[in-house]
Amino acid sequence: MAGDRPQPMTPNRTHVAGRQLPTITDALMRERLSQFRSYTIQTKPYTLGLLRQTPSDAPDDAAASVVWEHMRRMIALMEEGTLVMMLAGTPAGDTDWGGLGVFDAVPAEVRAILETDPLVQAGLCTFEIHPAVGFPGTPAAT
């Protein structure tokens, strides 16, 4: 029966997670979408490097020193400009996720970076590479 079906939820388009969102008019939507289509907002290729934790028998103190050297390397890559953003941690429900890096480099270069990462070389993590496209000139990125 039609009356028994759950009604679709109407999304709240003015708030997300308790935060007020800016008002986006139809005119602003058309302007932004025309910029994307006309490439007046330039896209930029990035590569995502996803680290996944592996089961390890390494003692905590040994693993801690490897993590320290991994972080030293990540900070050096950020200082040098190759690593644009680093997200670290294990979100609830995905216990093997270790971190995500956004690299301003081609996939082959990111593969070489991650193959020689201390966590990967110690067998504490594996990695995945994913090409991505960003819009560095958009208002959200500035």
N, C-alpha and C. Protein backbone atom coordinates (compact mmCIF):
# COMPACT_ATOMS: atom_id res chain seq x y z
N MET A 1 0.82 -1.19 0.00
CA MET A 1 0.00 0.00 0.00
C MET A 1 0.87 1.25 0.00
N ALA A 2 0.40 2.23 -0.72
CA ALA A 2 1.17 3.47 -0.83
C ALA A 2 1.34 4.16 0.50
N GLY A 3 0.35 4.08 1.39
CA GLY A 3 0.44 4.73 2.69
C GLY A 3 1.46 4.09 3.61
N ASP A 4 1.85 2.85 3.32
CA ASP A 4 2.80 2.15 4.16
C ASP A 4 4.25 2.46 3.83
N ARG A 5 4.50 3.03 2.68
CA ARG A 5 5.88 3.33 2.28
C ARG A 5 6.43 4.49 3.09
N PRO A 6 7.69 4.37 3.52
CA PRO A 6 8.27 5.51 4.23
C PRO A 6 8.39 6.70 3.29
N GLN A 7 8.15 7.86 3.82
CA GLN A 7 8.25 9.09 3.03
C GLN A 7 9.72 9.48 2.91
N PRO A 8 10.12 9.96 1.71
CA PRO A 8 11.51 10.40 1.58
C PRO A 8 11.79 11.56 2.52
N MET A 9 12.98 11.55 3.06
CA MET A 9 13.38 12.61 3.97
C MET A 9 13.75 13.84 3.16
N THR A 10 13.27 14.99 3.57
CA THR A 10 13.62 16.23 2.90
C THR A 10 14.95 16.71 3.47
N PRO A 11 15.98 16.83 2.61
CA PRO A 11 17.28 17.25 3.14
C PRO A 11 17.24 18.70 3.60
N ASN A 12 17.97 18.99 4.64
CA ASN A 12 18.11 20.35 5.12
C ASN A 12 19.25 20.97 4.31
N ARG A 13 18.91 21.90 3.46
CA ARG A 13 19.91 22.50 2.57
C ARG A 13 20.53 23.76 3.16
N THR A 14 20.16 24.12 4.38
CA THR A 14 20.73 25.33 4.99
C THR A 14 21.72 25.01 6.09
N HIS A 15 21.71 23.78 6.59
CA HIS A 15 22.61 23.40 7.68
C HIS A 15 23.19 22.01 7.40
N VAL A 16 24.43 21.82 7.76
CA VAL A 16 25.06 20.50 7.72
C VAL A 16 25.80 20.35 9.04
N ALA A 17 25.48 19.30 9.75
CA ALA A 17 26.13 19.02 11.04
C ALA A 17 26.12 20.25 11.95
N GLY A 18 24.99 20.98 11.95
CA GLY A 18 24.86 22.13 12.82
C GLY A 18 25.53 23.40 12.33
N ARG A 19 26.11 23.36 11.14
CA ARG A 19 26.77 24.55 10.59
C ARG A 19 25.89 25.19 9.54
N GLN A 20 25.79 26.49 9.57
CA GLN A 20 25.04 27.24 8.57
C GLN A 20 25.79 27.22 7.24
N LEU A 21 25.10 26.85 6.18
CA LEU A 21 25.70 26.86 4.85
C LEU A 21 25.38 28.19 4.16
N PRO A 22 26.25 28.63 3.23
CA PRO A 22 25.92 29.86 2.50
C PRO A 22 24.72 29.61 1.58
N THR A 23 23.98 30.66 1.32
CA THR A 23 22.86 30.56 0.39
C THR A 23 23.43 30.54 -1.03
N ILE A 24 23.03 29.55 -1.80
CA ILE A 24 23.48 29.42 -3.19
C ILE A 24 22.28 29.66 -4.08
N THR A 25 22.27 30.80 -4.76
CA THR A 25 21.16 31.14 -5.64
C THR A 25 21.30 30.40 -6.96
N ASP A 26 20.22 30.38 -7.75
CA ASP A 26 20.29 29.78 -9.07
C ASP A 26 21.32 30.49 -9.94
N ALA A 27 21.40 31.81 -9.82
CA ALA A 27 22.37 32.57 -10.61
C ALA A 27 23.81 32.15 -10.26
N LEU A 28 24.10 31.99 -8.96
CA LEU A 28 25.43 31.57 -8.56
C LEU A 28 25.71 30.14 -9.04
N MET A 29 24.70 29.28 -8.95
CA MET A 29 24.87 27.90 -9.47
C MET A 29 25.23 27.93 -10.95
N ARG A 30 24.48 28.71 -11.74
CA ARG A 30 24.77 28.78 -13.18
C ARG A 30 26.18 29.30 -13.44
N GLU A 31 26.59 30.33 -12.66
CA GLU A 31 27.94 30.89 -12.83
C GLU A 31 29.01 29.84 -12.53
N ARG A 32 28.88 29.15 -11.38
CA ARG A 32 29.87 28.14 -11.01
C ARG A 32 29.91 27.00 -12.03
N LEU A 33 28.74 26.52 -12.42
CA LEU A 33 28.70 25.41 -13.37
C LEU A 33 29.26 25.82 -14.73
N SER A 34 29.02 27.05 -15.17
CA SER A 34 29.59 27.49 -16.44
C SER A 34 31.11 27.60 -16.33
N GLN A 35 31.61 28.00 -15.16
CA GLN A 35 33.06 28.06 -14.97
C GLN A 35 33.67 26.66 -15.07
N PHE A 36 33.03 25.69 -14.45
CA PHE A 36 33.54 24.32 -14.53
C PHE A 36 33.54 23.83 -15.97
N ARG A 37 32.43 24.08 -16.68
CA ARG A 37 32.33 23.60 -18.07
C ARG A 37 33.31 24.31 -18.99
N SER A 38 33.54 25.59 -18.74
CA SER A 38 34.42 26.34 -19.63
C SER A 38 35.87 26.28 -19.20
N TYR A 39 36.13 25.59 -18.09
CA TYR A 39 37.49 25.47 -17.56
C TYR A 39 38.10 26.81 -17.18
N THR A 40 37.25 27.83 -16.86
CA THR A 40 37.82 29.05 -16.32
C THR A 40 38.32 28.78 -14.90
N ILE A 41 37.74 27.78 -14.25
CA ILE A 41 38.33 27.27 -13.02
C ILE A 41 39.13 26.05 -13.46
N GLN A 42 40.42 26.13 -13.37
CA GLN A 42 41.29 25.07 -13.90
C GLN A 42 41.31 23.86 -12.97
N THR A 43 41.27 22.70 -13.57
CA THR A 43 41.42 21.47 -12.80
C THR A 43 42.90 21.15 -12.67
N LYS A 44 43.22 20.38 -11.67
CA LYS A 44 44.61 20.01 -11.43
C LYS A 44 44.65 18.54 -11.05
N PRO A 45 45.53 17.78 -11.69
CA PRO A 45 45.63 16.36 -11.31
C PRO A 45 46.39 16.19 -10.00
N TYR A 46 45.89 15.30 -9.18
CA TYR A 46 46.55 14.90 -7.94
C TYR A 46 46.58 13.38 -7.91
N THR A 47 47.32 12.83 -7.00
CA THR A 47 47.30 11.39 -6.77
C THR A 47 47.05 11.15 -5.29
N LEU A 48 46.09 10.26 -5.01
CA LEU A 48 45.80 9.89 -3.64
C LEU A 48 46.59 8.64 -3.29
N GLY A 49 47.23 8.66 -2.14
CA GLY A 49 47.93 7.49 -1.64
C GLY A 49 47.26 7.05 -0.35
N LEU A 50 46.68 5.87 -0.35
CA LEU A 50 45.95 5.35 0.80
C LEU A 50 46.79 4.29 1.49
N LEU A 51 47.10 4.50 2.75
CA LEU A 51 47.85 3.51 3.54
C LEU A 51 46.87 2.64 4.32
N ARG A 52 47.09 1.34 4.26
CA ARG A 52 46.27 0.38 5.03
C ARG A 52 47.18 -0.36 6.00
N GLN A 53 46.74 -0.43 7.24
CA GLN A 53 47.51 -1.12 8.26
C GLN A 53 47.45 -2.62 8.02
N THR A 54 48.53 -3.31 8.39
CA THR A 54 48.58 -4.77 8.30
C THR A 54 48.74 -5.32 9.71
N PRO A 55 48.30 -6.55 9.93
CA PRO A 55 48.57 -7.15 11.25
C PRO A 55 50.09 -7.25 11.44
N SER A 56 50.55 -6.92 12.62
CA SER A 56 51.99 -6.91 12.85
C SER A 56 52.31 -7.52 14.20
N ASP A 57 53.44 -8.23 14.22
CA ASP A 57 53.95 -8.77 15.47
C ASP A 57 55.05 -7.88 16.04
N ALA A 58 55.27 -6.72 15.42
CA ALA A 58 56.34 -5.83 15.87
C ALA A 58 56.02 -5.30 17.26
N PRO A 59 57.01 -5.28 18.15
CA PRO A 59 56.79 -4.69 19.48
C PRO A 59 56.41 -3.22 19.33
N ASP A 60 55.62 -2.71 20.28
CA ASP A 60 55.14 -1.33 20.21
C ASP A 60 56.27 -0.31 20.08
N ASP A 61 57.37 -0.51 20.79
CA ASP A 61 58.47 0.45 20.72
C ASP A 61 59.14 0.45 19.36
N ALA A 62 59.24 -0.73 18.73
CA ALA A 62 59.82 -0.81 17.38
C ALA A 62 58.88 -0.16 16.37
N ALA A 63 57.59 -0.44 16.49
CA ALA A 63 56.61 0.18 15.58
C ALA A 63 56.60 1.69 15.76
N ALA A 64 56.72 2.17 16.99
CA ALA A 64 56.71 3.61 17.26
C ALA A 64 57.87 4.31 16.56
N SER A 65 59.04 3.67 16.53
CA SER A 65 60.18 4.31 15.87
C SER A 65 59.98 4.34 14.35
N VAL A 66 59.32 3.32 13.80
CA VAL A 66 59.03 3.31 12.37
C VAL A 66 58.01 4.40 12.04
N VAL A 67 56.98 4.54 12.87
CA VAL A 67 55.98 5.59 12.67
C VAL A 67 56.65 6.97 12.73
N TRP A 68 57.58 7.15 13.67
CA TRP A 68 58.31 8.41 13.79
C TRP A 68 59.03 8.76 12.49
N GLU A 69 59.72 7.77 11.92
CA GLU A 69 60.45 8.01 10.67
C GLU A 69 59.50 8.22 9.49
N HIS A 70 58.36 7.52 9.50
CA HIS A 70 57.33 7.74 8.48
C HIS A 70 56.86 9.19 8.54
N MET A 71 56.57 9.68 9.75
CA MET A 71 56.09 11.06 9.90
C MET A 71 57.17 12.06 9.50
N ARG A 72 58.43 11.78 9.83
CA ARG A 72 59.53 12.66 9.41
C ARG A 72 59.53 12.79 7.89
N ARG A 73 59.32 11.67 7.21
CA ARG A 73 59.32 11.66 5.74
C ARG A 73 58.11 12.41 5.19
N MET A 74 56.94 12.21 5.80
CA MET A 74 55.73 12.90 5.34
C MET A 74 55.87 14.41 5.51
N ILE A 75 56.43 14.83 6.64
CA ILE A 75 56.63 16.26 6.86
C ILE A 75 57.62 16.83 5.86
N ALA A 76 58.68 16.07 5.54
CA ALA A 76 59.64 16.52 4.52
C ALA A 76 58.95 16.66 3.16
N LEU A 77 58.07 15.73 2.82
CA LEU A 77 57.34 15.81 1.55
C LEU A 77 56.38 17.00 1.54
N MET A 78 55.80 17.33 2.69
CA MET A 78 54.94 18.50 2.77
C MET A 78 55.77 19.78 2.62
N GLU A 79 56.91 19.83 3.31
CA GLU A 79 57.78 21.01 3.22
C GLU A 79 58.26 21.23 1.79
N GLU A 80 58.52 20.13 1.09
CA GLU A 80 59.02 20.19 -0.27
C GLU A 80 57.91 20.49 -1.28
N GLY A 81 56.64 20.27 -0.88
CA GLY A 81 55.51 20.61 -1.74
C GLY A 81 54.88 19.44 -2.48
N THR A 82 55.43 18.24 -2.35
CA THR A 82 54.88 17.08 -3.05
C THR A 82 53.63 16.56 -2.35
N LEU A 83 53.62 16.57 -1.03
CA LEU A 83 52.46 16.12 -0.26
C LEU A 83 51.64 17.35 0.10
N VAL A 84 50.46 17.46 -0.50
CA VAL A 84 49.62 18.64 -0.34
C VAL A 84 48.83 18.57 0.96
N MET A 85 48.32 17.39 1.28
CA MET A 85 47.51 17.21 2.48
C MET A 85 47.67 15.79 2.98
N MET A 86 47.67 15.64 4.28
CA MET A 86 47.78 14.32 4.88
C MET A 86 46.67 14.16 5.90
N LEU A 87 45.93 13.06 5.78
CA LEU A 87 44.90 12.71 6.74
C LEU A 87 45.33 11.42 7.41
N ALA A 88 45.37 11.42 8.71
CA ALA A 88 45.85 10.24 9.42
C ALA A 88 44.81 9.80 10.44
N GLY A 89 44.83 8.52 10.75
CA GLY A 89 43.94 8.00 11.77
C GLY A 89 43.14 6.81 11.26
N THR A 90 42.38 6.25 12.17
CA THR A 90 41.56 5.09 11.85
C THR A 90 40.11 5.44 12.12
N PRO A 91 39.32 5.68 11.07
CA PRO A 91 37.91 5.99 11.32
C PRO A 91 37.16 4.79 11.87
N ALA A 92 36.14 5.04 12.64
CA ALA A 92 35.34 3.96 13.22
C ALA A 92 34.80 3.06 12.11
N GLY A 93 34.90 1.78 12.32
CA GLY A 93 34.35 0.83 11.37
C GLY A 93 35.31 0.40 10.27
N ASP A 94 36.47 1.03 10.16
CA ASP A 94 37.43 0.66 9.12
C ASP A 94 38.80 0.59 9.77
N THR A 95 39.02 -0.47 10.53
CA THR A 95 40.21 -0.57 11.38
C THR A 95 41.51 -0.74 10.62
N ASP A 96 41.46 -1.07 9.32
CA ASP A 96 42.72 -1.23 8.60
C ASP A 96 43.17 0.04 7.91
N TRP A 97 42.38 1.08 7.94
CA TRP A 97 42.73 2.33 7.29
C TRP A 97 43.76 3.05 8.14
N GLY A 98 44.86 3.49 7.53
CA GLY A 98 45.91 4.15 8.30
C GLY A 98 46.08 5.61 7.97
N GLY A 99 45.92 5.99 6.72
CA GLY A 99 46.09 7.39 6.35
C GLY A 99 45.86 7.60 4.87
N LEU A 100 45.67 8.85 4.51
CA LEU A 100 45.44 9.23 3.12
C LEU A 100 46.28 10.46 2.84
N GLY A 101 47.06 10.40 1.77
CA GLY A 101 47.85 11.55 1.35
C GLY A 101 47.38 12.04 0.00
N VAL A 102 47.30 13.35 -0.15
CA VAL A 102 47.00 13.97 -1.44
C VAL A 102 48.33 14.50 -1.96
N PHE A 103 48.79 13.93 -3.06
CA PHE A 103 50.10 14.26 -3.61
C PHE A 103 49.98 15.08 -4.88
N ASP A 104 50.82 16.08 -5.01
CA ASP A 104 50.94 16.86 -6.24
C ASP A 104 52.04 16.19 -7.06
N ALA A 105 51.72 14.98 -7.54
CA ALA A 105 52.69 14.16 -8.29
C ALA A 105 51.91 13.12 -9.10
N VAL A 106 52.55 12.61 -10.12
CA VAL A 106 51.92 11.58 -10.96
C VAL A 106 51.92 10.25 -10.20
N PRO A 107 51.00 9.33 -10.56
CA PRO A 107 50.92 8.06 -9.84
C PRO A 107 52.24 7.29 -9.75
N ALA A 108 53.05 7.29 -10.80
CA ALA A 108 54.31 6.54 -10.76
C ALA A 108 55.25 7.11 -9.69
N GLU A 109 55.26 8.42 -9.54
CA GLU A 109 56.12 9.05 -8.52
C GLU A 109 55.59 8.72 -7.11
N VAL A 110 54.27 8.75 -6.95
CA VAL A 110 53.69 8.44 -5.64
C VAL A 110 53.93 6.97 -5.29
N ARG A 111 53.85 6.10 -6.29
CA ARG A 111 54.16 4.68 -6.06
C ARG A 111 55.60 4.53 -5.55
N ALA A 112 56.53 5.23 -6.16
CA ALA A 112 57.94 5.16 -5.73
C ALA A 112 58.10 5.72 -4.32
N ILE A 113 57.38 6.77 -4.01
CA ILE A 113 57.44 7.36 -2.66
C ILE A 113 56.92 6.36 -1.63
N LEU A 114 55.77 5.75 -1.91
CA LEU A 114 55.16 4.86 -0.93
C LEU A 114 55.85 3.50 -0.85
N GLU A 115 56.44 3.05 -1.95
CA GLU A 115 57.18 1.78 -1.89
C GLU A 115 58.37 1.88 -0.95
N THR A 116 58.92 3.08 -0.81
CA THR A 116 60.09 3.26 0.06
C THR A 116 59.73 3.89 1.40
N ASP A 117 58.43 4.00 1.69
CA ASP A 117 58.00 4.53 2.97
C ASP A 117 58.39 3.57 4.09
N PRO A 118 58.85 4.09 5.23
CA PRO A 118 59.25 3.21 6.34
C PRO A 118 58.15 2.26 6.80
N LEU A 119 56.89 2.70 6.84
CA LEU A 119 55.80 1.81 7.27
C LEU A 119 55.60 0.65 6.30
N VAL A 120 55.73 0.93 5.02
CA VAL A 120 55.56 -0.10 4.00
C VAL A 120 56.75 -1.05 4.03
N GLN A 121 57.95 -0.49 4.11
CA GLN A 121 59.14 -1.35 4.13
C GLN A 121 59.20 -2.23 5.38
N ALA A 122 58.63 -1.76 6.49
CA ALA A 122 58.62 -2.56 7.72
C ALA A 122 57.46 -3.56 7.74
N GLY A 123 56.61 -3.53 6.70
CA GLY A 123 55.48 -4.45 6.64
C GLY A 123 54.31 -4.05 7.53
N LEU A 124 54.32 -2.81 8.03
CA LEU A 124 53.24 -2.34 8.89
C LEU A 124 52.06 -1.79 8.10
N CYS A 125 52.29 -1.46 6.83
CA CYS A 125 51.23 -0.93 5.96
C CYS A 125 51.42 -1.42 4.54
N THR A 126 50.30 -1.48 3.83
CA THR A 126 50.32 -1.61 2.38
C THR A 126 49.74 -0.30 1.84
N PHE A 127 49.72 -0.15 0.53
CA PHE A 127 49.20 1.11 -0.01
C PHE A 127 48.42 0.89 -1.29
N GLU A 128 47.58 1.85 -1.60
CA GLU A 128 46.85 1.93 -2.86
C GLU A 128 47.10 3.31 -3.44
N ILE A 129 47.07 3.39 -4.77
CA ILE A 129 47.26 4.65 -5.49
C ILE A 129 45.99 4.92 -6.30
N HIS A 130 45.49 6.16 -6.24
CA HIS A 130 44.28 6.53 -7.00
C HIS A 130 44.47 7.92 -7.60
N PRO A 131 44.41 8.05 -8.94
CA PRO A 131 44.46 9.38 -9.55
C PRO A 131 43.19 10.16 -9.18
N ALA A 132 43.31 11.46 -9.06
CA ALA A 132 42.17 12.31 -8.72
C ALA A 132 42.35 13.66 -9.41
N VAL A 133 41.27 14.41 -9.45
CA VAL A 133 41.30 15.75 -10.04
C VAL A 133 40.74 16.71 -9.00
N GLY A 134 41.40 17.84 -8.82
CA GLY A 134 40.93 18.85 -7.89
C GLY A 134 40.69 20.16 -8.61
N PHE A 135 40.07 21.07 -7.90
CA PHE A 135 39.78 22.39 -8.41
C PHE A 135 40.43 23.40 -7.48
N PRO A 136 41.75 23.61 -7.59
CA PRO A 136 42.47 24.42 -6.61
C PRO A 136 42.04 25.89 -6.57
N GLY A 137 41.39 26.39 -7.60
CA GLY A 137 41.00 27.80 -7.61
C GLY A 137 39.60 28.06 -7.12
N THR A 138 38.88 27.04 -6.68
CA THR A 138 37.51 27.25 -6.23
C THR A 138 37.50 27.96 -4.88
N PRO A 139 36.41 28.67 -4.57
CA PRO A 139 36.36 29.38 -3.30
C PRO A 139 36.59 28.48 -2.09
N ALA A 140 36.17 27.23 -2.14
CA ALA A 140 36.33 26.32 -1.01
C ALA A 140 37.80 26.01 -0.76
N ALA A 141 38.63 26.09 -1.78
CA ALA A 141 40.05 25.72 -1.64
C ALA A 141 40.92 26.92 -1.28
N THR A 142 40.34 28.10 -1.27
CA THR A 142 41.15 29.30 -0.98
C THR A 142 40.92 29.79 0.42
